[in-house]
């Protein structure tokens, strides 16, 4: 329950600073982990980035202020972090479908995003198989990109010849996906690669893992039933909150044992680098 309480404290902090500067250091202290780890967990649990959540909440509160106060539109825009009324108008219309001035002039339909609240939900006794292991330092080479959506880097390496080049180097298909984190806009910093024990290879990025402890889960099932996504949800929502371990600030790994879209079958190992709470 301590993890859930910390998540709610972090949301309390964000909510109390919607019209102020939100400090990543303050959130890190509340969560007792690096801010990047919190960001990764947040988007995996909620399906929305922290930056998007903050933006939606600010624009929800701004709509309330427009309807219930006489504050000037420029003052409301500055209150919620928009440096100009034009930037505020564009963001407001993108979310609500109307401009701020239209809210003042007539009755309109608006969008409201509620404050998040985290709670532990018991979902039955469906088992989760996992393995706790210690692994010596190792290196991964591959292609690291930041794309607007999850899986974007896989599309790049499959189309530009990088995956084929890595298969020729290693003798097996490109099987590792390293998740470094998500940006405020929901973009994914991700690396597709292979484990490599030789010198770096020109044209490829590299990442060196230190010796550390890992919890390894298996996601085995139908791709069409979102088995990988659902396993991640269970790890973040069910396993980790009740475990004595928490994610470290190292990138997580998805190791693809098999992924056959035609047969609709997949087997993926999810490697979580952990430390004790």
Protein backbone atom coordinates (compact mmCIF):
# COMPACT_ATOMS: atom_id res chain seq x y z
CA UNK A 1 0.00 0.00 0.00
CA UNK A 2 2.96 2.34 0.50
CA UNK A 3 3.46 2.60 -3.28
CA UNK A 4 -0.21 3.45 -3.84
CA UNK A 5 -0.10 6.06 -1.09
CA UNK A 6 2.97 7.63 -2.69
CA UNK A 7 1.26 7.73 -6.10
CA UNK A 8 -1.69 9.54 -4.56
CA UNK A 9 0.62 11.93 -2.72
CA UNK A 10 2.32 12.70 -6.03
CA UNK A 11 -1.05 13.42 -7.63
CA UNK A 12 -1.96 15.61 -4.63
CA UNK A 13 1.24 17.56 -5.22
CA UNK A 14 0.51 17.97 -8.94
CA UNK A 15 -3.07 19.07 -8.25
CA UNK A 16 -1.93 21.69 -5.72
CA UNK A 17 0.52 23.14 -8.25
CA UNK A 18 -1.59 23.25 -11.42
CA UNK A 19 -1.34 27.04 -11.34
CA UNK A 20 2.26 26.98 -10.16
CA UNK A 21 5.61 25.42 -11.07
CA UNK A 22 5.59 21.62 -10.78
CA UNK A 23 8.95 20.36 -9.52
CA UNK A 24 10.24 17.02 -10.79
CA UNK A 25 12.56 16.91 -7.77
CA UNK A 26 9.58 17.20 -5.43
CA UNK A 27 7.82 14.31 -7.17
CA UNK A 28 10.99 12.21 -6.97
CA UNK A 29 11.16 12.80 -3.21
CA UNK A 30 7.52 11.83 -2.77
CA UNK A 31 7.94 8.66 -4.82
CA UNK A 32 11.41 7.85 -3.41
CA UNK A 33 12.61 7.06 -6.94
CA UNK A 34 14.01 8.94 -9.95
CA UNK A 35 11.45 11.06 -11.79
CA UNK A 36 12.03 9.07 -15.00
CA UNK A 37 10.95 5.88 -13.24
CA UNK A 38 7.77 7.59 -12.05
CA UNK A 39 7.09 8.83 -15.59
CA UNK A 40 7.45 5.35 -17.06
CA UNK A 41 5.20 3.79 -14.43
CA UNK A 42 2.60 6.56 -14.79
CA UNK A 43 2.06 6.11 -18.51
CA UNK A 44 2.09 2.31 -18.28
CA UNK A 45 -0.58 2.36 -15.59
CA UNK A 46 -2.81 5.17 -16.87
CA UNK A 47 -2.27 5.01 -20.67
CA UNK A 48 -1.55 8.73 -20.61
CA UNK A 49 1.68 10.60 -20.05
CA UNK A 50 2.10 12.76 -16.96
CA UNK A 51 2.48 15.80 -19.21
CA UNK A 52 -0.84 15.08 -20.93
CA UNK A 53 -2.57 14.54 -17.58
CA UNK A 54 -1.29 17.87 -16.28
CA UNK A 55 -2.32 19.65 -19.48
CA UNK A 56 -5.82 18.14 -19.42
CA UNK A 57 -6.29 19.02 -15.76
CA UNK A 58 -5.10 22.60 -16.30
CA UNK A 59 -7.49 23.08 -19.22
CA UNK A 60 -10.34 21.52 -17.20
CA UNK A 61 -9.69 23.99 -14.39
CA UNK A 62 -9.36 26.84 -16.86
CA UNK A 63 -12.81 26.02 -18.26
CA UNK A 64 -14.22 26.14 -14.72
CA UNK A 65 -12.61 29.54 -14.13
CA UNK A 66 -14.02 30.89 -17.39
CA UNK A 67 -17.51 29.82 -16.41
CA UNK A 68 -17.42 30.75 -12.74
CA UNK A 69 -15.18 33.82 -12.38
CA UNK A 70 -14.80 37.23 -13.97
CA UNK A 71 -11.03 36.85 -14.37
CA UNK A 72 -9.64 38.08 -17.67
CA UNK A 73 -8.85 35.41 -20.23
CA UNK A 74 -5.20 36.49 -20.38
CA UNK A 75 -4.95 36.16 -16.58
CA UNK A 76 -6.42 32.64 -16.70
CA UNK A 77 -4.02 31.66 -19.47
CA UNK A 78 -1.04 32.92 -17.44
CA UNK A 79 -2.37 31.19 -14.32
CA UNK A 80 -2.20 27.81 -16.02
CA UNK A 81 1.20 28.31 -17.63
CA UNK A 82 0.41 29.68 -21.08
CA UNK A 83 2.63 32.60 -22.01
CA UNK A 84 0.21 34.09 -24.49
CA UNK A 85 -3.53 34.17 -25.03
CA UNK A 86 -3.01 32.72 -28.52
CA UNK A 87 -1.24 29.62 -27.18
CA UNK A 88 -3.98 29.23 -24.57
CA UNK A 89 -6.72 29.61 -27.20
CA UNK A 90 -5.19 26.94 -29.45
CA UNK A 91 -4.72 24.43 -26.60
CA UNK A 92 -8.17 25.16 -25.17
CA UNK A 93 -9.92 24.70 -28.52
CA UNK A 94 -8.00 21.47 -29.21
CA UNK A 95 -9.39 19.95 -26.03
CA UNK A 96 -12.82 21.57 -25.68
CA UNK A 97 -13.71 22.22 -29.33
CA UNK A 98 -14.49 25.90 -28.61
CA UNK A 99 -12.42 28.99 -27.87
CA UNK A 100 -12.23 30.60 -24.41
CA UNK A 101 -14.19 33.64 -25.58
CA UNK A 102 -17.05 31.39 -26.75
CA UNK A 103 -17.34 30.01 -23.20
CA UNK A 104 -17.95 33.55 -21.97
CA UNK A 105 -20.45 34.45 -24.69
CA UNK A 106 -22.76 31.42 -24.76
CA UNK A 107 -23.60 28.06 -23.25
CA UNK A 108 -21.31 25.44 -24.73
CA UNK A 109 -20.36 21.82 -24.11
CA UNK A 110 -16.98 21.40 -22.48
CA UNK A 111 -14.71 18.47 -21.65
CA UNK A 112 -13.69 17.65 -18.09
CA UNK A 113 -10.86 15.38 -16.96
CA UNK A 114 -11.20 14.20 -13.36
CA UNK A 115 -8.40 14.07 -10.84
CA UNK A 116 -6.70 10.68 -10.76
CA UNK A 117 -6.90 8.51 -7.69
CA UNK A 118 -5.01 5.23 -7.32
CA UNK A 119 -6.42 2.27 -5.43
CA UNK A 120 -5.51 -1.39 -5.08
CA UNK A 121 -8.02 -3.59 -6.91
CA UNK A 122 -8.25 -7.31 -6.28
CA UNK A 123 -8.78 -9.07 -9.61
CA UNK A 124 -8.88 -12.72 -8.63
CA UNK A 125 -6.21 -15.36 -8.35
CA UNK A 126 -4.89 -15.59 -11.90
CA UNK A 127 -1.25 -16.49 -11.44
CA UNK A 128 1.77 -14.54 -12.63
CA UNK A 129 4.98 -16.47 -13.21
CA UNK A 130 8.17 -14.57 -12.52
CA UNK A 131 11.83 -15.15 -11.79
CA UNK A 132 14.12 -13.07 -9.60
CA UNK A 133 17.70 -13.22 -10.86
CA UNK A 134 21.00 -11.37 -10.71
CA UNK A 135 22.76 -10.70 -13.98
CA UNK A 136 26.31 -9.56 -14.53
CA UNK A 137 27.05 -6.42 -16.51
CA UNK A 138 26.24 -6.67 -20.21
CA UNK A 139 26.01 -4.45 -23.25
CA UNK A 140 23.32 -3.97 -25.87
CA UNK A 141 23.87 -2.48 -29.32
CA UNK A 142 21.11 -1.38 -31.62
CA UNK A 143 19.14 1.61 -32.79
CA UNK A 144 17.76 4.10 -30.28
CA UNK A 145 15.04 6.53 -31.33
CA UNK A 146 12.40 8.72 -29.76
CA UNK A 147 9.09 8.21 -31.55
CA UNK A 148 5.59 9.61 -30.99
CA UNK A 149 4.20 6.23 -29.96
CA UNK A 150 5.21 2.91 -28.46
CA UNK A 151 6.63 0.48 -31.01
CA UNK A 152 7.76 3.24 -33.36
CA UNK A 153 11.41 2.22 -33.20
CA UNK A 154 10.53 -1.34 -34.24
CA UNK A 155 8.93 0.03 -37.40
CA UNK A 156 12.11 1.97 -38.14
CA UNK A 157 14.58 -0.92 -37.70
CA UNK A 158 12.40 -3.26 -39.74
CA UNK A 159 12.22 -0.81 -42.64
CA UNK A 160 15.73 0.66 -42.78
CA UNK A 161 17.72 -2.59 -42.76
CA UNK A 162 18.96 -2.24 -39.14
CA UNK A 163 17.15 -5.37 -37.92
CA UNK A 164 18.58 -7.44 -40.76
CA UNK A 165 22.09 -6.07 -40.09
CA UNK A 166 21.84 -7.01 -36.42
CA UNK A 167 20.67 -10.50 -37.34
CA UNK A 168 23.73 -10.93 -39.53
CA UNK A 169 25.98 -9.76 -36.69
CA UNK A 170 24.49 -11.97 -33.99
CA UNK A 171 23.11 -14.96 -35.85
CA UNK A 172 19.60 -14.41 -34.46
CA UNK A 173 16.85 -11.88 -34.96
CA UNK A 174 16.84 -8.51 -33.20
CA UNK A 175 15.15 -9.52 -29.96
CA UNK A 176 15.62 -6.80 -27.33
CA UNK A 177 13.54 -3.69 -26.77
CA UNK A 178 14.88 -1.23 -24.18
CA UNK A 179 12.47 1.36 -22.82
CA UNK A 180 14.31 4.44 -21.51
CA UNK A 181 11.17 6.38 -20.71
CA UNK A 182 8.36 8.54 -21.98
CA UNK A 183 8.38 12.25 -22.72
CA UNK A 184 5.87 14.78 -21.49
CA UNK A 185 4.12 14.50 -24.86
CA UNK A 186 3.86 10.71 -24.61
CA UNK A 187 6.78 10.04 -26.97
CA UNK A 188 8.77 6.88 -26.33
CA UNK A 189 12.58 6.77 -26.00
CA UNK A 190 13.21 3.18 -27.09
CA UNK A 191 16.08 1.06 -28.39
CA UNK A 192 15.80 -2.10 -30.49
CA UNK A 193 18.91 -4.22 -30.26
CA UNK A 194 20.85 -7.34 -29.41
CA UNK A 195 23.09 -8.35 -26.52
CA UNK A 196 26.70 -7.82 -27.61
CA UNK A 197 30.03 -8.67 -25.96
CA UNK A 198 32.40 -7.20 -28.54
CA UNK A 199 33.51 -3.69 -29.51
CA UNK A 200 30.89 -1.14 -30.47
CA UNK A 201 29.74 -1.29 -34.08
CA UNK A 202 29.73 1.79 -36.28
CA UNK A 203 26.23 2.98 -37.10
CA UNK A 204 24.68 1.46 -33.97
CA UNK A 205 24.00 2.92 -30.53
CA UNK A 206 25.13 1.04 -27.44
CA UNK A 207 23.99 0.84 -23.83
CA UNK A 208 25.95 -0.70 -20.97
CA UNK A 209 24.00 -2.29 -18.13
CA UNK A 210 25.76 -2.65 -14.78
CA UNK A 211 25.44 -5.83 -12.73
CA UNK A 212 22.00 -5.69 -11.16
CA UNK A 213 18.95 -7.66 -10.02
CA UNK A 214 16.07 -8.37 -12.39
CA UNK A 215 12.54 -9.69 -12.08
CA UNK A 216 11.58 -11.49 -15.28
CA UNK A 217 7.96 -12.08 -16.30
CA UNK A 218 6.54 -13.97 -19.28
CA UNK A 219 3.85 -12.62 -21.59
CA UNK A 220 2.62 -15.63 -23.56
CA UNK A 221 -0.57 -15.52 -25.59
CA UNK A 222 -2.42 -13.96 -28.49
CA UNK A 223 -1.18 -10.71 -29.94
CA UNK A 224 -4.77 -9.77 -30.84
CA UNK A 225 -5.70 -9.98 -27.16
CA UNK A 226 -2.97 -7.48 -26.21
CA UNK A 227 -1.12 -10.00 -24.07
CA UNK A 228 2.02 -7.83 -23.78
CA UNK A 229 0.10 -4.71 -22.78
CA UNK A 230 -2.04 -6.63 -20.29
CA UNK A 231 1.02 -8.23 -18.67
CA UNK A 232 2.60 -4.80 -18.23
CA UNK A 233 -0.64 -3.61 -16.61
CA UNK A 234 -0.62 -6.48 -14.15
CA UNK A 235 3.04 -5.92 -13.30
CA UNK A 236 2.48 -2.23 -12.54
CA UNK A 237 -0.95 -2.47 -10.96
CA UNK A 238 -0.82 -5.79 -9.11
CA UNK A 239 2.67 -7.15 -8.64
CA UNK A 240 4.95 -4.19 -7.93
CA UNK A 241 2.63 -2.38 -5.46
CA UNK A 242 2.64 -5.49 -3.25
CA UNK A 243 6.26 -6.48 -3.81
CA UNK A 244 9.26 -5.57 -1.68
CA UNK A 245 10.96 -4.48 -4.91
CA UNK A 246 10.65 -1.34 -7.02
CA UNK A 247 11.96 -0.43 -10.47
CA UNK A 248 15.42 1.06 -10.60
CA UNK A 249 16.23 3.91 -12.97
CA UNK A 250 17.71 1.53 -15.57
CA UNK A 251 15.70 0.94 -18.78
CA UNK A 252 13.34 -2.03 -18.75
CA UNK A 253 13.71 -4.73 -21.42
CA UNK A 254 11.25 -6.61 -23.57
CA UNK A 255 12.94 -9.76 -24.89
CA UNK A 256 11.05 -11.18 -27.86
CA UNK A 257 11.31 -14.96 -27.88
CA UNK A 258 8.71 -15.19 -30.64
CA UNK A 259 6.26 -12.76 -32.30
CA UNK A 260 4.18 -14.24 -35.11
CA UNK A 261 1.41 -11.88 -36.17
CA UNK A 262 0.15 -14.26 -38.85
CA UNK A 263 -0.33 -17.05 -36.33
CA UNK A 264 -1.39 -14.54 -33.65
CA UNK A 265 1.07 -15.99 -31.13
CA UNK A 266 3.74 -14.30 -29.03
CA UNK A 267 6.13 -15.04 -26.21
CA UNK A 268 7.90 -12.08 -24.64
CA UNK A 269 10.01 -11.84 -21.50
CA UNK A 270 9.66 -8.59 -19.58
CA UNK A 271 12.81 -7.76 -17.64
CA UNK A 272 12.37 -5.28 -14.78
CA UNK A 273 15.59 -3.96 -13.18
CA UNK A 274 14.81 -3.71 -9.47
CA UNK A 275 16.08 -2.63 -6.07
CA UNK A 276 14.53 -3.30 -2.68
CA UNK A 277 12.11 -0.67 -1.42
